[in-house]
Amino acid sequence: MLCTTVFGKKLCSRRFFLSLLFFVFLSFGALAQEASIVFWNVENLYDTVPSPFYDDREFTSTERYNTKITNLARVLDELAADVVGLAEVENEEVVRGLVEKLGTDYNYIHRTSNDSRGIDQVLLYKGDKFFPEHIQLIQSGTRREFLHVEGELMEERVHFIVCHLSSNLNSPKYRENNLRALRKTLEGLLSEDPAARIVVMGDMNATPNDKLVRKTLGSVESPYDFVHTPHWADYDAGRGSYNFRGRWYLYDWMLVSPAIARTGQLRAGVYAKEYLTEPAPQGGRRPIRNFSDHFPVYIVISK
């Protein structure tokens, strides 16, 4: 009879085999545990009712709304991420409409910001993967606040910060104010807990190598920097999330704190499927506007 000793107990034949499978299963489960995180600027997701506070008439047709909700749901269902940050969402009504269209089962967190265009940030999450405990809007240096959600992911406390920095059409000082506010927020969280696990996601309206980013956040290339972007390889390879006049820019990306960056358990990318693009007048291809003028970006964190 085949026997061995496991954790001090003598096991023979079939019992040994079943016990070995059990321990292998537990070990594989621990190694395979991971969480996927997506950010997407969904570009002017407005409802069909014109606002009395800002001019959204260009975006309020029922046909446009239904097409956009259907298209966004298709992409988000393909990604099926555990946590999703969205930018440029008008209100809770359109968030509900999107969630109802999705085949993926998501809860959502939405807070109304003071943005002059009436657009907010949102966090979608799978209720069996992420357990939010604290939600707040954080001052961003401009009217469009950051959305901060703290909770438990993979049995670890994680801070998610969803942001949408000021456009390049505005003065650079507004984006610098955003970056300074983000730095202050990160410093506050890391001073309370140097091992804090933080994920910042957003439309930065700047590349990771932008001079204002480097001036305010420092280099974000190395896992040993103050904060690190897993999307540096995307930037280095010339991959972009936004196309302007035929040129690609990586304007959408994520940052992670050292507690995540230094584990080395990270994958990242830009979700640039062919069906999300159309021919561009200057040559090449660009995102189709009835999806969004931005591509989603993603990271995968392994525990």
Protein backbone atom coordinates (compact mmCIF):
# COMPACT_ATOMS: atom_id res chain seq x y z
CA MET A 1 0.00 0.00 0.00
CA LEU A 2 1.32 3.41 -0.96
CA CYS A 3 1.76 5.56 2.14
CA THR A 4 3.42 8.83 3.07
CA THR A 5 3.45 11.34 5.92
CA VAL A 6 1.78 14.71 5.38
CA PHE A 7 1.87 17.35 8.14
CA GLY A 8 2.77 14.61 10.64
CA LYS A 9 -0.06 12.26 9.62
CA LYS A 10 0.37 8.91 7.86
CA LEU A 11 -1.81 8.74 4.76
CA CYS A 12 -2.17 5.71 2.51
CA SER A 13 -3.27 5.09 -1.07
CA ARG A 14 -6.58 6.84 -1.90
CA ARG A 15 -6.52 9.09 1.18
CA PHE A 16 -3.00 10.21 0.26
CA PHE A 17 -4.03 10.97 -3.33
CA LEU A 18 -7.11 12.98 -2.33
CA SER A 19 -5.16 14.91 0.31
CA LEU A 20 -2.45 15.72 -2.21
CA LEU A 21 -5.06 17.07 -4.66
CA PHE A 22 -6.56 19.16 -1.88
CA PHE A 23 -3.25 20.81 -0.98
CA VAL A 24 -2.39 21.40 -4.64
CA PHE A 25 -5.83 23.00 -5.15
CA LEU A 26 -5.33 25.32 -2.17
CA SER A 27 -1.86 26.32 -3.36
CA PHE A 28 -3.04 26.98 -6.92
CA GLY A 29 -6.01 29.00 -5.67
CA ALA A 30 -3.74 31.21 -3.61
CA LEU A 31 -1.36 31.74 -6.53
CA ALA A 32 -4.12 32.35 -9.06
CA GLN A 33 -6.06 34.97 -7.08
CA GLU A 34 -6.16 38.19 -9.07
CA ALA A 35 -8.31 41.26 -9.69
CA SER A 36 -8.86 43.11 -12.96
CA ILE A 37 -9.38 46.89 -12.97
CA VAL A 38 -10.53 49.01 -15.92
CA PHE A 39 -10.80 52.73 -16.50
CA TRP A 40 -12.74 54.29 -19.37
CA ASN A 41 -13.60 57.86 -20.26
CA VAL A 42 -16.98 57.14 -21.90
CA GLU A 43 -17.21 60.64 -23.46
CA ASN A 44 -20.31 62.68 -22.75
CA LEU A 45 -22.69 60.02 -21.48
CA TYR A 46 -25.67 62.36 -21.04
CA ASP A 47 -29.34 61.51 -20.59
CA THR A 48 -32.05 62.60 -23.05
CA VAL A 49 -33.25 65.62 -21.03
CA PRO A 50 -31.59 68.99 -21.76
CA SER A 51 -30.08 70.50 -18.64
CA PRO A 52 -31.01 74.01 -17.47
CA PHE A 53 -27.52 74.45 -15.96
CA TYR A 54 -25.22 73.64 -18.92
CA ASP A 55 -25.58 73.17 -22.66
CA ASP A 56 -25.83 69.43 -23.38
CA ARG A 57 -28.27 69.65 -26.32
CA GLU A 58 -25.71 68.09 -28.69
CA PHE A 59 -25.82 64.84 -26.72
CA THR A 60 -29.45 64.39 -25.65
CA SER A 61 -31.07 62.58 -28.58
CA THR A 62 -32.73 59.28 -27.67
CA GLU A 63 -31.11 57.52 -30.62
CA ARG A 64 -27.63 58.63 -29.53
CA TYR A 65 -28.26 57.62 -25.92
CA ASN A 66 -29.55 54.12 -26.79
CA THR A 67 -26.71 53.48 -29.24
CA LYS A 68 -24.09 54.65 -26.78
CA ILE A 69 -25.46 52.62 -23.84
CA THR A 70 -25.58 49.48 -26.03
CA ASN A 71 -22.04 50.01 -27.29
CA LEU A 72 -20.57 50.75 -23.88
CA ALA A 73 -22.26 47.68 -22.41
CA ARG A 74 -20.80 45.47 -25.16
CA VAL A 75 -17.24 46.53 -24.34
CA LEU A 76 -17.63 46.41 -20.57
CA ASP A 77 -19.16 42.93 -20.77
CA GLU A 78 -16.21 41.78 -22.88
CA LEU A 79 -13.79 43.12 -20.30
CA ALA A 80 -15.86 41.84 -17.34
CA ALA A 81 -13.45 43.54 -14.92
CA ASP A 82 -13.85 43.26 -11.18
CA VAL A 83 -13.67 47.05 -10.71
CA VAL A 84 -14.38 49.73 -13.34
CA GLY A 85 -13.85 53.47 -13.14
CA LEU A 86 -15.79 55.68 -15.55
CA ALA A 87 -15.46 59.36 -16.42
CA GLU A 88 -17.82 61.78 -18.20
CA VAL A 89 -21.08 60.37 -16.83
CA GLU A 90 -23.84 62.93 -16.33
CA ASN A 91 -25.85 61.53 -13.44
CA GLU A 92 -27.06 58.47 -11.57
CA GLU A 93 -29.88 57.90 -14.08
CA VAL A 94 -27.48 57.13 -16.93
CA VAL A 95 -25.40 54.93 -14.61
CA ARG A 96 -28.52 52.89 -13.82
CA GLY A 97 -29.33 52.68 -17.52
CA LEU A 98 -25.86 51.36 -18.28
CA VAL A 99 -25.87 48.86 -15.40
CA GLU A 100 -29.30 47.55 -16.48
CA LYS A 101 -27.99 47.04 -20.03
CA LEU A 102 -24.93 45.12 -18.87
CA GLY A 103 -24.87 41.35 -18.75
CA THR A 104 -22.18 41.55 -16.06
CA ASP A 105 -23.56 41.97 -12.55
CA TYR A 106 -22.25 45.27 -11.22
CA ASN A 107 -23.02 47.50 -8.27
CA TYR A 108 -22.19 51.16 -8.70
CA ILE A 109 -21.03 54.21 -6.76
CA HIS A 110 -21.83 57.66 -8.09
CA ARG A 111 -21.49 61.08 -6.51
CA THR A 112 -22.49 64.39 -8.13
CA SER A 113 -19.51 66.70 -8.58
CA ASN A 114 -19.44 70.46 -9.12
CA ASP A 115 -18.17 70.15 -12.69
CA SER A 116 -19.32 72.95 -14.99
CA ARG A 117 -20.22 70.43 -17.75
CA GLY A 118 -22.22 68.29 -15.34
CA ILE A 119 -19.98 65.22 -15.73
CA ASP A 120 -18.96 62.94 -12.89
CA GLN A 121 -16.81 59.92 -12.05
CA VAL A 122 -18.30 56.50 -11.24
CA LEU A 123 -17.06 53.22 -9.81
CA LEU A 124 -18.64 49.93 -10.90
CA TYR A 125 -17.72 46.79 -9.00
CA LYS A 126 -18.61 43.14 -8.64
CA GLY A 127 -20.21 42.73 -5.25
CA ASP A 128 -18.52 39.41 -4.57
CA LYS A 129 -15.04 40.83 -5.29
CA PHE A 130 -14.94 44.34 -3.84
CA PHE A 131 -16.54 45.47 -0.58
CA PRO A 132 -16.65 49.28 -0.29
CA GLU A 133 -16.57 50.77 3.19
CA HIS A 134 -15.84 54.48 2.77
CA ILE A 135 -16.81 56.85 -0.07
CA GLN A 136 -16.00 60.53 -0.50
CA LEU A 137 -15.39 63.26 -3.04
CA ILE A 138 -11.92 64.80 -2.71
CA GLN A 139 -11.05 68.36 -3.64
CA SER A 140 -9.11 68.31 -6.90
CA GLY A 141 -7.94 71.90 -7.26
CA THR A 142 -10.74 72.52 -9.77
CA ARG A 143 -14.52 72.01 -9.68
CA ARG A 144 -14.46 68.38 -10.83
CA GLU A 145 -13.63 66.47 -7.66
CA PHE A 146 -11.92 63.08 -7.39
CA LEU A 147 -13.99 60.07 -6.33
CA HIS A 148 -12.31 58.12 -3.51
CA VAL A 149 -13.62 54.68 -2.54
CA GLU A 150 -11.93 52.60 0.14
CA GLY A 151 -12.78 48.95 0.68
CA GLU A 152 -11.64 45.35 0.65
CA LEU A 153 -10.34 43.60 -2.46
CA MET A 154 -8.77 40.13 -2.32
CA GLU A 155 -8.84 40.36 1.48
CA GLU A 156 -6.69 43.52 1.34
CA ARG A 157 -7.69 47.11 2.04
CA VAL A 158 -7.49 49.11 -1.21
CA HIS A 159 -8.07 52.77 -2.04
CA PHE A 160 -9.47 53.56 -5.48
CA ILE A 161 -9.24 57.16 -6.70
CA VAL A 162 -11.08 57.97 -9.95
CA CYS A 163 -10.11 61.25 -11.54
CA HIS A 164 -10.49 63.30 -14.69
CA LEU A 165 -7.90 66.04 -14.95
CA SER A 166 -8.44 69.37 -16.66
CA SER A 167 -8.45 69.46 -20.46
CA ASN A 168 -5.55 70.65 -22.59
CA LEU A 169 -7.95 73.28 -23.95
CA ASN A 170 -7.65 75.01 -20.57
CA SER A 171 -4.63 76.70 -19.05
CA PRO A 172 -1.96 74.22 -17.85
CA LYS A 173 -2.27 75.70 -14.35
CA TYR A 174 -5.61 73.90 -13.89
CA ARG A 175 -4.07 70.51 -14.59
CA GLU A 176 -1.14 71.37 -12.35
CA ASN A 177 -3.64 72.18 -9.58
CA ASN A 178 -5.22 68.76 -10.17
CA LEU A 179 -1.86 67.01 -9.93
CA ARG A 180 -0.91 68.91 -6.78
CA ALA A 181 -4.21 67.93 -5.17
CA LEU A 182 -3.63 64.31 -6.19
CA ARG A 183 -0.12 64.41 -4.72
CA LYS A 184 -1.48 65.82 -1.47
CA THR A 185 -4.11 63.06 -1.29
CA LEU A 186 -1.54 60.33 -1.92
CA GLU A 187 0.87 61.78 0.62
CA GLY A 188 -1.90 61.87 3.21
CA LEU A 189 -2.86 58.23 2.65
CA LEU A 190 0.77 57.05 2.65
CA SER A 191 1.66 59.03 5.77
CA GLU A 192 -1.15 57.27 7.62
CA ASP A 193 -0.07 53.89 6.23
CA PRO A 194 3.16 53.57 4.20
CA ALA A 195 1.93 50.14 3.07
CA ALA A 196 -1.39 51.50 1.79
CA ARG A 197 -2.58 49.83 -1.41
CA ILE A 198 -3.74 52.62 -3.72
CA VAL A 199 -4.95 52.58 -7.33
CA VAL A 200 -5.43 55.91 -9.10
CA MET A 201 -7.25 55.69 -12.42
CA GLY A 202 -8.26 58.41 -14.79
CA ASP A 203 -8.14 60.53 -17.88
CA MET A 204 -5.00 62.49 -17.03
CA ASN A 205 -5.10 64.61 -20.21
CA ALA A 206 -1.33 64.10 -20.19
CA THR A 207 1.06 61.25 -20.85
CA PRO A 208 3.02 59.60 -18.01
CA ASN A 209 6.11 61.46 -19.22
CA ASP A 210 4.44 64.89 -19.30
CA LYS A 211 6.53 67.65 -17.71
CA LEU A 212 3.75 68.61 -15.26
CA VAL A 213 3.36 64.97 -14.21
CA ARG A 214 7.10 64.67 -13.61
CA LYS A 215 7.24 68.02 -11.83
CA THR A 216 4.38 67.16 -9.47
CA LEU A 217 4.43 63.38 -9.03
CA GLY A 218 8.04 62.73 -10.00
CA SER A 219 9.06 60.01 -12.39
CA VAL A 220 6.37 57.33 -12.45
CA GLU A 221 8.42 54.88 -14.52
CA SER A 222 10.01 52.75 -11.81
CA PRO A 223 8.21 50.64 -9.18
CA TYR A 224 10.50 52.36 -6.67
CA ASP A 225 9.17 55.84 -7.44
CA PHE A 226 6.71 57.67 -5.18
CA VAL A 227 3.95 56.18 -7.34
CA HIS A 228 4.25 54.03 -10.44
CA THR A 229 2.24 53.55 -13.62
CA PRO A 230 2.02 49.96 -14.88
CA HIS A 231 1.25 51.56 -18.27
CA TRP A 232 4.79 52.81 -18.80
CA ALA A 233 5.46 49.96 -21.23
CA ASP A 234 2.37 51.02 -23.22
CA TYR A 235 3.67 54.58 -23.35
CA ASP A 236 7.18 53.45 -24.27
CA ALA A 237 5.79 51.32 -27.11
CA GLY A 238 3.79 54.24 -28.52
CA ARG A 239 0.39 52.81 -27.65
CA GLY A 240 -2.30 55.42 -27.04
CA SER A 241 -5.80 55.72 -25.63
CA TYR A 242 -6.74 58.97 -27.40
CA ASN A 243 -6.19 60.17 -30.95
CA PHE A 244 -5.82 63.85 -31.81
CA ARG A 245 -5.28 64.92 -35.42
CA GLY A 246 -3.96 61.51 -36.38
CA ARG A 247 -1.53 61.15 -33.48
CA TRP A 248 -1.96 58.74 -30.56
CA TYR A 249 -1.56 59.88 -26.94
CA LEU A 250 -1.63 57.76 -23.79
CA TYR A 251 -3.88 60.11 -21.81
CA ASP A 252 -5.69 57.41 -19.82
CA TRP A 253 -3.61 55.42 -17.36
CA MET A 254 -3.38 54.23 -13.79
CA LEU A 255 -1.01 54.77 -10.89
CA VAL A 256 -0.33 52.35 -8.05
CA SER A 257 1.32 52.84 -4.67
CA PRO A 258 4.63 51.11 -3.76
CA ALA A 259 2.82 48.34 -1.85
CA ILE A 260 1.33 47.21 -5.18
CA ALA A 261 4.09 48.30 -7.58
CA ARG A 262 6.93 46.48 -5.81
CA THR A 263 5.23 43.09 -5.77
CA GLY A 264 5.83 42.75 -9.50
CA GLN A 265 2.41 41.08 -9.81
CA LEU A 266 1.04 43.49 -12.41
CA ARG A 267 -0.15 43.39 -16.00
CA ALA A 268 -1.47 46.39 -17.91
CA GLY A 269 -2.72 47.35 -21.34
CA VAL A 270 -4.90 49.47 -23.63
CA TYR A 271 -8.08 47.79 -24.88
CA ALA A 272 -7.83 48.84 -28.53
CA LYS A 273 -9.99 46.33 -30.37
CA GLU A 274 -10.34 46.84 -34.13
CA TYR A 275 -14.13 47.21 -33.96
CA LEU A 276 -13.68 50.25 -31.70
CA THR A 277 -11.92 52.13 -34.49
CA GLU A 278 -12.63 53.75 -37.83
CA PRO A 279 -10.42 55.30 -40.56
CA ALA A 280 -9.03 58.69 -39.58
CA PRO A 281 -8.95 61.59 -42.09
CA GLN A 282 -5.20 61.98 -41.54
CA GLY A 283 -4.61 58.28 -42.15
CA GLY A 284 -4.53 55.34 -39.80
CA ARG A 285 -7.43 54.73 -37.43
CA ARG A 286 -9.10 56.47 -34.51
CA PRO A 287 -11.75 55.54 -31.88
CA ILE A 288 -15.39 55.51 -33.05
CA ARG A 289 -17.29 58.29 -31.30
CA ASN A 290 -20.52 56.32 -30.78
CA PHE A 291 -18.48 54.21 -28.38
CA SER A 292 -16.10 56.86 -27.03
CA ASP A 293 -13.22 58.98 -28.26
CA HIS A 294 -11.04 57.15 -25.71
CA PHE A 295 -10.05 53.49 -25.39
CA PRO A 296 -10.41 51.69 -22.05
CA VAL A 297 -7.23 50.86 -20.16
CA TYR A 298 -6.77 48.03 -17.68
CA ILE A 299 -4.48 46.50 -15.09
CA VAL A 300 -4.53 43.06 -13.48
CA ILE A 301 -3.20 42.70 -9.93
CA SER A 302 -2.22 39.25 -8.68
CA LYS A 303 -2.10 38.50 -4.99
